[in-house]
């Protein structure tokens, strides 16, 4: 069973992956180390709420930029 934090991370990443973005793209856009993003995704570490917000904002920006291209 996933925690709400893990669910949030997985939901954000799934939405980005469905739009064709890779973990490195997402991490770079959010200013997060790709290894750290992987640890969050696997549940090895738990991000601060502010990092979840940063991740969500980055994914929204990537999706918006792709839609305009």
PDB file of N, CA and C in Angstrom:
ATOM      1  N   UNK A   1       0.843  -1.182   0.000  1.00  0.00           N
ATOM      2  CA  UNK A   1       0.000   0.000   0.000  1.00  0.00           C
ATOM      3  C   UNK A   1       0.884   1.240   0.000  1.00  0.00           C
ATOM      4  N   UNK A   2       0.482   2.238  -0.761  1.00  0.00           N
ATOM      5  CA  UNK A   2       1.256   3.456  -0.891  1.00  0.00           C
ATOM      6  C   UNK A   2       0.768   4.511   0.088  1.00  0.00           C
ATOM      7  N   UNK A   3       1.696   5.360   0.533  1.00  0.00           N
ATOM      8  CA  UNK A   3       1.313   6.517   1.340  1.00  0.00           C
ATOM      9  C   UNK A   3       0.775   7.579   0.398  1.00  0.00           C
ATOM     10  N   UNK A   4       0.166   8.584   0.947  1.00  0.00           N
ATOM     11  CA  UNK A   4      -0.366   9.656   0.102  1.00  0.00           C
ATOM     12  C   UNK A   4       0.762  10.378  -0.635  1.00  0.00           C
ATOM     13  N   UNK A   5       1.936  10.474  -0.016  1.00  0.00           N
ATOM     14  CA  UNK A   5       3.077  11.096  -0.680  1.00  0.00           C
ATOM     15  C   UNK A   5       3.517  10.258  -1.873  1.00  0.00           C
ATOM     16  N   UNK A   6       3.634   8.959  -1.672  1.00  0.00           N
ATOM     17  CA  UNK A   6       4.020   8.071  -2.771  1.00  0.00           C
ATOM     18  C   UNK A   6       2.989   8.103  -3.885  1.00  0.00           C
ATOM     19  N   UNK A   7       1.718   8.145  -3.523  1.00  0.00           N
ATOM     20  CA  UNK A   7       0.653   8.218  -4.531  1.00  0.00           C
ATOM     21  C   UNK A   7       0.764   9.505  -5.330  1.00  0.00           C
ATOM     22  N   UNK A   8       1.045  10.614  -4.653  1.00  0.00           N
ATOM     23  CA  UNK A   8       1.172  11.903  -5.336  1.00  0.00           C
ATOM     24  C   UNK A   8       2.323  11.869  -6.328  1.00  0.00           C
ATOM     25  N   UNK A   9       3.471  11.355  -5.896  1.00  0.00           N
ATOM     26  CA  UNK A   9       4.639  11.270  -6.779  1.00  0.00           C
ATOM     27  C   UNK A   9       4.329  10.392  -7.988  1.00  0.00           C
ATOM     28  N   UNK A  10       3.758   9.235  -7.748  1.00  0.00           N
ATOM     29  CA  UNK A  10       3.449   8.310  -8.846  1.00  0.00           C
ATOM     30  C   UNK A  10       2.437   8.915  -9.820  1.00  0.00           C
ATOM     31  N   UNK A  11       1.447   9.615  -9.300  1.00  0.00           N
ATOM     32  CA  UNK A  11       0.436  10.245 -10.156  1.00  0.00           C
ATOM     33  C   UNK A  11       1.057  11.334 -11.028  1.00  0.00           C
ATOM     34  N   UNK A  12       1.918  12.154 -10.433  1.00  0.00           N
ATOM     35  CA  UNK A  12       2.595  13.224 -11.182  1.00  0.00           C
ATOM     36  C   UNK A  12       3.475  12.628 -12.270  1.00  0.00           C
ATOM     37  N   UNK A  13       4.275  11.629 -11.908  1.00  0.00           N
ATOM     38  CA  UNK A  13       5.188  11.027 -12.874  1.00  0.00           C
ATOM     39  C   UNK A  13       4.450  10.279 -13.976  1.00  0.00           C
ATOM     40  N   UNK A  14       3.372   9.614 -13.638  1.00  0.00           N
ATOM     41  CA  UNK A  14       2.589   8.896 -14.643  1.00  0.00           C
ATOM     42  C   UNK A  14       2.012   9.859 -15.674  1.00  0.00           C
ATOM     43  N   UNK A  15       1.495  10.991 -15.194  1.00  0.00           N
ATOM     44  CA  UNK A  15       0.947  11.992 -16.115  1.00  0.00           C
ATOM     45  C   UNK A  15       2.023  12.491 -17.068  1.00  0.00           C
ATOM     46  N   UNK A  16       3.215  12.733 -16.536  1.00  0.00           N
ATOM     47  CA  UNK A  16       4.313  13.211 -17.378  1.00  0.00           C
ATOM     48  C   UNK A  16       4.755  12.136 -18.376  1.00  0.00           C
ATOM     49  N   UNK A  17       4.848  10.903 -17.922  1.00  0.00           N
ATOM     50  CA  UNK A  17       5.275   9.811 -18.804  1.00  0.00           C
ATOM     51  C   UNK A  17       4.263   9.587 -19.920  1.00  0.00           C
ATOM     52  N   UNK A  18       2.981   9.741 -19.622  1.00  0.00           N
ATOM     53  CA  UNK A  18       1.952   9.584 -20.663  1.00  0.00           C
ATOM     54  C   UNK A  18       2.105  10.640 -21.749  1.00  0.00           C
ATOM     55  N   UNK A  19       2.686  11.782 -21.394  1.00  0.00           N
ATOM     56  CA  UNK A  19       2.916  12.844 -22.372  1.00  0.00           C
ATOM     57  C   UNK A  19       4.268  12.699 -23.064  1.00  0.00           C
ATOM     58  N   UNK A  20       4.996  11.629 -22.723  1.00  0.00           N
ATOM     59  CA  UNK A  20       6.246  11.340 -23.415  1.00  0.00           C
ATOM     60  C   UNK A  20       7.505  11.834 -22.731  1.00  0.00           C
ATOM     61  N   UNK A  21       7.412  12.279 -21.507  1.00  0.00           N
ATOM     62  CA  UNK A  21       8.592  12.772 -20.805  1.00  0.00           C
ATOM     63  C   UNK A  21       9.254  11.655 -20.011  1.00  0.00           C
ATOM     64  N   UNK A  22      10.573  11.711 -19.945  1.00  0.00           N
ATOM     65  CA  UNK A  22      11.348  10.725 -19.195  1.00  0.00           C
ATOM     66  C   UNK A  22      11.695  11.306 -17.827  1.00  0.00           C
ATOM     67  N   UNK A  23      12.121  10.423 -16.932  1.00  0.00           N
ATOM     68  CA  UNK A  23      12.466  10.851 -15.571  1.00  0.00           C
ATOM     69  C   UNK A  23      13.516  11.956 -15.584  1.00  0.00           C
ATOM     70  N   UNK A  24      14.511  11.850 -16.456  1.00  0.00           N
ATOM     71  CA  UNK A  24      15.543  12.881 -16.515  1.00  0.00           C
ATOM     72  C   UNK A  24      14.974  14.231 -16.932  1.00  0.00           C
ATOM     73  N   UNK A  25      14.036  14.229 -17.875  1.00  0.00           N
ATOM     74  CA  UNK A  25      13.388  15.470 -18.300  1.00  0.00           C
ATOM     75  C   UNK A  25      12.677  16.129 -17.122  1.00  0.00           C
ATOM     76  N   UNK A  26      11.949  15.311 -16.398  1.00  0.00           N
ATOM     77  CA  UNK A  26      11.156  15.802 -15.271  1.00  0.00           C
ATOM     78  C   UNK A  26      12.074  16.330 -14.168  1.00  0.00           C
ATOM     79  N   UNK A  27      13.106  15.560 -13.852  1.00  0.00           N
ATOM     80  CA  UNK A  27      14.037  15.966 -12.797  1.00  0.00           C
ATOM     81  C   UNK A  27      14.733  17.276 -13.161  1.00  0.00           C
ATOM     82  N   UNK A  28      15.196  17.374 -14.397  1.00  0.00           N
ATOM     83  CA  UNK A  28      15.882  18.591 -14.842  1.00  0.00           C
ATOM     84  C   UNK A  28      14.951  19.799 -14.747  1.00  0.00           C
ATOM     85  N   UNK A  29      13.724  19.655 -15.213  1.00  0.00           N
ATOM     86  CA  UNK A  29      12.767  20.764 -15.190  1.00  0.00           C
ATOM     87  C   UNK A  29      12.441  21.201 -13.759  1.00  0.00           C
ATOM     88  N   UNK A  30      12.471  20.251 -12.836  1.00  0.00           N
ATOM     89  CA  UNK A  30      12.147  20.564 -11.438  1.00  0.00           C
ATOM     90  C   UNK A  30      13.372  20.987 -10.634  1.00  0.00           C
ATOM     91  N   UNK A  31      14.556  20.858 -11.228  1.00  0.00           N
ATOM     92  CA  UNK A  31      15.768  21.193 -10.499  1.00  0.00           C
ATOM     93  C   UNK A  31      16.102  20.167  -9.423  1.00  0.00           C
ATOM     94  N   UNK A  32      15.758  18.919  -9.706  1.00  0.00           N
ATOM     95  CA  UNK A  32      15.952  17.831  -8.754  1.00  0.00           C
ATOM     96  C   UNK A  32      16.921  16.826  -9.371  1.00  0.00           C
ATOM     97  N   UNK A  33      17.800  16.277  -8.568  1.00  0.00           N
ATOM     98  CA  UNK A  33      18.721  15.252  -9.032  1.00  0.00           C
ATOM     99  C   UNK A  33      17.920  14.026  -9.481  1.00  0.00           C
ATOM    100  N   UNK A  34      18.193  13.496 -10.672  1.00  0.00           N
ATOM    101  CA  UNK A  34      17.442  12.324 -11.141  1.00  0.00           C
ATOM    102  C   UNK A  34      17.489  11.138 -10.179  1.00  0.00           C
ATOM    103  N   UNK A  35      18.615  10.937  -9.511  1.00  0.00           N
ATOM    104  CA  UNK A  35      18.713   9.837  -8.545  1.00  0.00           C
ATOM    105  C   UNK A  35      17.764  10.057  -7.371  1.00  0.00           C
ATOM    106  N   UNK A  36      17.639  11.319  -6.954  1.00  0.00           N
ATOM    107  CA  UNK A  36      16.725  11.630  -5.854  1.00  0.00           C
ATOM    108  C   UNK A  36      15.279  11.385  -6.284  1.00  0.00           C
ATOM    109  N   UNK A  37      14.941  11.783  -7.487  1.00  0.00           N
ATOM    110  CA  UNK A  37      13.592  11.547  -7.997  1.00  0.00           C
ATOM    111  C   UNK A  37      13.300  10.047  -8.041  1.00  0.00           C
ATOM    112  N   UNK A  38      14.274   9.266  -8.438  1.00  0.00           N
ATOM    113  CA  UNK A  38      14.117   7.818  -8.456  1.00  0.00           C
ATOM    114  C   UNK A  38      13.871   7.269  -7.053  1.00  0.00           C
ATOM    115  N   UNK A  39      14.596   7.794  -6.071  1.00  0.00           N
ATOM    116  CA  UNK A  39      14.392   7.338  -4.685  1.00  0.00           C
ATOM    117  C   UNK A  39      12.992   7.683  -4.197  1.00  0.00           C
ATOM    118  N   UNK A  40      12.490   8.835  -4.585  1.00  0.00           N
ATOM    119  CA  UNK A  40      11.112   9.199  -4.214  1.00  0.00           C
ATOM    120  C   UNK A  40      10.129   8.253  -4.876  1.00  0.00           C
ATOM    121  N   UNK A  41      10.362   7.977  -6.156  1.00  0.00           N
ATOM    122  CA  UNK A  41       9.453   7.141  -6.931  1.00  0.00           C
ATOM    123  C   UNK A  41       9.379   5.714  -6.384  1.00  0.00           C
ATOM    124  N   UNK A  42      10.500   5.220  -5.874  1.00  0.00           N
ATOM    125  CA  UNK A  42      10.525   3.861  -5.333  1.00  0.00           C
ATOM    126  C   UNK A  42      10.157   3.807  -3.852  1.00  0.00           C
ATOM    127  N   UNK A  43      10.006   4.967  -3.229  1.00  0.00           N
ATOM    128  CA  UNK A  43       9.638   5.008  -1.818  1.00  0.00           C
ATOM    129  C   UNK A  43      10.804   4.853  -0.863  1.00  0.00           C
ATOM    130  N   UNK A  44      12.027   4.915  -1.382  1.00  0.00           N
ATOM    131  CA  UNK A  44      13.201   4.784  -0.515  1.00  0.00           C
ATOM    132  C   UNK A  44      13.377   6.004   0.376  1.00  0.00           C
ATOM    133  N   UNK A  45      13.008   7.177  -0.136  1.00  0.00           N
ATOM    134  CA  UNK A  45      13.023   8.397   0.662  1.00  0.00           C
ATOM    135  C   UNK A  45      11.711   9.133   0.427  1.00  0.00           C
ATOM    136  N   UNK A  46      11.403  10.048   1.320  1.00  0.00           N
ATOM    137  CA  UNK A  46      10.159  10.807   1.231  1.00  0.00           C
ATOM    138  C   UNK A  46      10.500  12.282   1.016  1.00  0.00           C
ATOM    139  N   UNK A  47       9.972  12.886  -0.040  1.00  0.00           N
ATOM    140  CA  UNK A  47      10.285  14.291  -0.300  1.00  0.00           C
ATOM    141  C   UNK A  47       9.516  15.226   0.625  1.00  0.00           C
ATOM    142  N   UNK A  48      10.059  16.408   0.796  1.00  0.00           N
ATOM    143  CA  UNK A  48       9.320  17.451   1.480  1.00  0.00           C
ATOM    144  C   UNK A  48       8.135  17.866   0.612  1.00  0.00           C
ATOM    145  N   UNK A  49       7.116  18.391   1.244  1.00  0.00           N
ATOM    146  CA  UNK A  49       5.930  18.848   0.505  1.00  0.00           C
ATOM    147  C   UNK A  49       6.329  19.875  -0.553  1.00  0.00           C
ATOM    148  N   UNK A  50       7.247  20.754  -0.201  1.00  0.00           N
ATOM    149  CA  UNK A  50       7.672  21.789  -1.157  1.00  0.00           C
ATOM    150  C   UNK A  50       8.280  21.172  -2.415  1.00  0.00           C
ATOM    151  N   UNK A  51       8.936  20.026  -2.286  1.00  0.00           N
ATOM    152  CA  UNK A  51       9.499  19.358  -3.460  1.00  0.00           C
ATOM    153  C   UNK A  51       8.426  18.692  -4.309  1.00  0.00           C
ATOM    154  N   UNK A  52       7.372  18.220  -3.681  1.00  0.00           N
ATOM    155  CA  UNK A  52       6.248  17.668  -4.446  1.00  0.00           C
ATOM    156  C   UNK A  52       5.594  18.785  -5.259  1.00  0.00           C
ATOM    157  N   UNK A  53       5.443  19.938  -4.651  1.00  0.00           N
ATOM    158  CA  UNK A  53       4.867  21.095  -5.348  1.00  0.00           C
ATOM    159  C   UNK A  53       5.771  21.491  -6.511  1.00  0.00           C
ATOM    160  N   UNK A  54       7.077  21.529  -6.275  1.00  0.00           N
ATOM    161  CA  UNK A  54       8.038  21.869  -7.323  1.00  0.00           C
ATOM    162  C   UNK A  54       7.953  20.875  -8.482  1.00  0.00           C
ATOM    163  N   UNK A  55       7.822  19.620  -8.150  1.00  0.00           N
ATOM    164  CA  UNK A  55       7.702  18.572  -9.166  1.00  0.00           C
ATOM    165  C   UNK A  55       6.423  18.748  -9.979  1.00  0.00           C
ATOM    166  N   UNK A  56       5.322  18.996  -9.310  1.00  0.00           N
ATOM    167  CA  UNK A  56       4.040  19.213  -9.990  1.00  0.00           C
ATOM    168  C   UNK A  56       4.112  20.421 -10.920  1.00  0.00           C
ATOM    169  N   UNK A  57       4.683  21.507 -10.444  1.00  0.00           N
ATOM    170  CA  UNK A  57       4.799  22.710 -11.268  1.00  0.00           C
ATOM    171  C   UNK A  57       5.672  22.466 -12.494  1.00  0.00           C
ATOM    172  N   UNK A  58       6.741  21.717 -12.317  1.00  0.00           N
ATOM    173  CA  UNK A  58       7.622  21.413 -13.440  1.00  0.00           C
ATOM    174  C   UNK A  58       6.910  20.571 -14.492  1.00  0.00           C
ATOM    175  N   UNK A  59       6.155  19.586 -14.047  1.00  0.00           N
ATOM    176  CA  UNK A  59       5.424  18.729 -14.987  1.00  0.00           C
ATOM    177  C   UNK A  59       4.361  19.545 -15.723  1.00  0.00           C
ATOM    178  N   UNK A  60       3.664  20.404 -15.014  1.00  0.00           N
ATOM    179  CA  UNK A  60       2.674  21.262 -15.667  1.00  0.00           C
ATOM    180  C   UNK A  60       3.338  22.140 -16.721  1.00  0.00           C
ATOM    181  N   UNK A  61       4.506  22.691 -16.410  1.00  0.00           N
ATOM    182  CA  UNK A  61       5.221  23.547 -17.355  1.00  0.00           C
ATOM    183  C   UNK A  61       5.685  22.749 -18.579  1.00  0.00           C
ATOM    184  N   UNK A  62       6.182  21.545 -18.364  1.00  0.00           N
ATOM    185  CA  UNK A  62       6.605  20.699 -19.487  1.00  0.00           C
ATOM    186  C   UNK A  62       5.431  20.377 -20.406  1.00  0.00           C
ATOM    187  N   UNK A  63       4.323  20.012 -19.819  1.00  0.00           N
ATOM    188  CA  UNK A  63       3.129  19.668 -20.609  1.00  0.00           C
ATOM    189  C   UNK A  63       2.624  20.879 -21.382  1.00  0.00           C
ATOM    190  N   UNK A  64       2.611  22.039 -20.729  1.00  0.00           N
ATOM    191  CA  UNK A  64       2.157  23.270 -21.388  1.00  0.00           C
ATOM    192  C   UNK A  64       3.090  23.641 -22.541  1.00  0.00           C
ATOM    193  N   UNK A  65       4.393  23.513 -22.331  1.00  0.00           N
ATOM    194  CA  UNK A  65       5.349  23.833 -23.375  1.00  0.00           C
ATOM    195  C   UNK A  65       5.215  22.890 -24.568  1.00  0.00           C
ATOM    196  N   UNK A  66       4.975  21.634 -24.289  1.00  0.00           N
ATOM    197  CA  UNK A  66       4.811  20.659 -25.373  1.00  0.00           C
ATOM    198  C   UNK A  66       3.525  20.942 -26.153  1.00  0.00           C
ATOM    199  N   UNK A  67       2.488  21.367 -25.470  1.00  0.00           N
ATOM    200  CA  UNK A  67       1.210  21.665 -26.121  1.00  0.00           C
ATOM    201  C   UNK A  67       1.339  22.876 -27.059  1.00  0.00           C
ATOM    202  N   UNK A  68       2.211  23.819 -26.700  1.00  0.00           N
ATOM    203  CA  UNK A  68       2.389  25.022 -27.516  1.00  0.00           C
ATOM    204  C   UNK A  68       3.305  24.784 -28.709  1.00  0.00           C
ATOM    205  N   UNK A  69       4.100  23.725 -28.652  1.00  0.00           N
ATOM    206  CA  UNK A  69       5.074  23.452 -29.734  1.00  0.00           C
ATOM    207  C   UNK A  69       4.407  22.891 -30.961  1.00  0.00           C
TER     208      UNK A  69
END
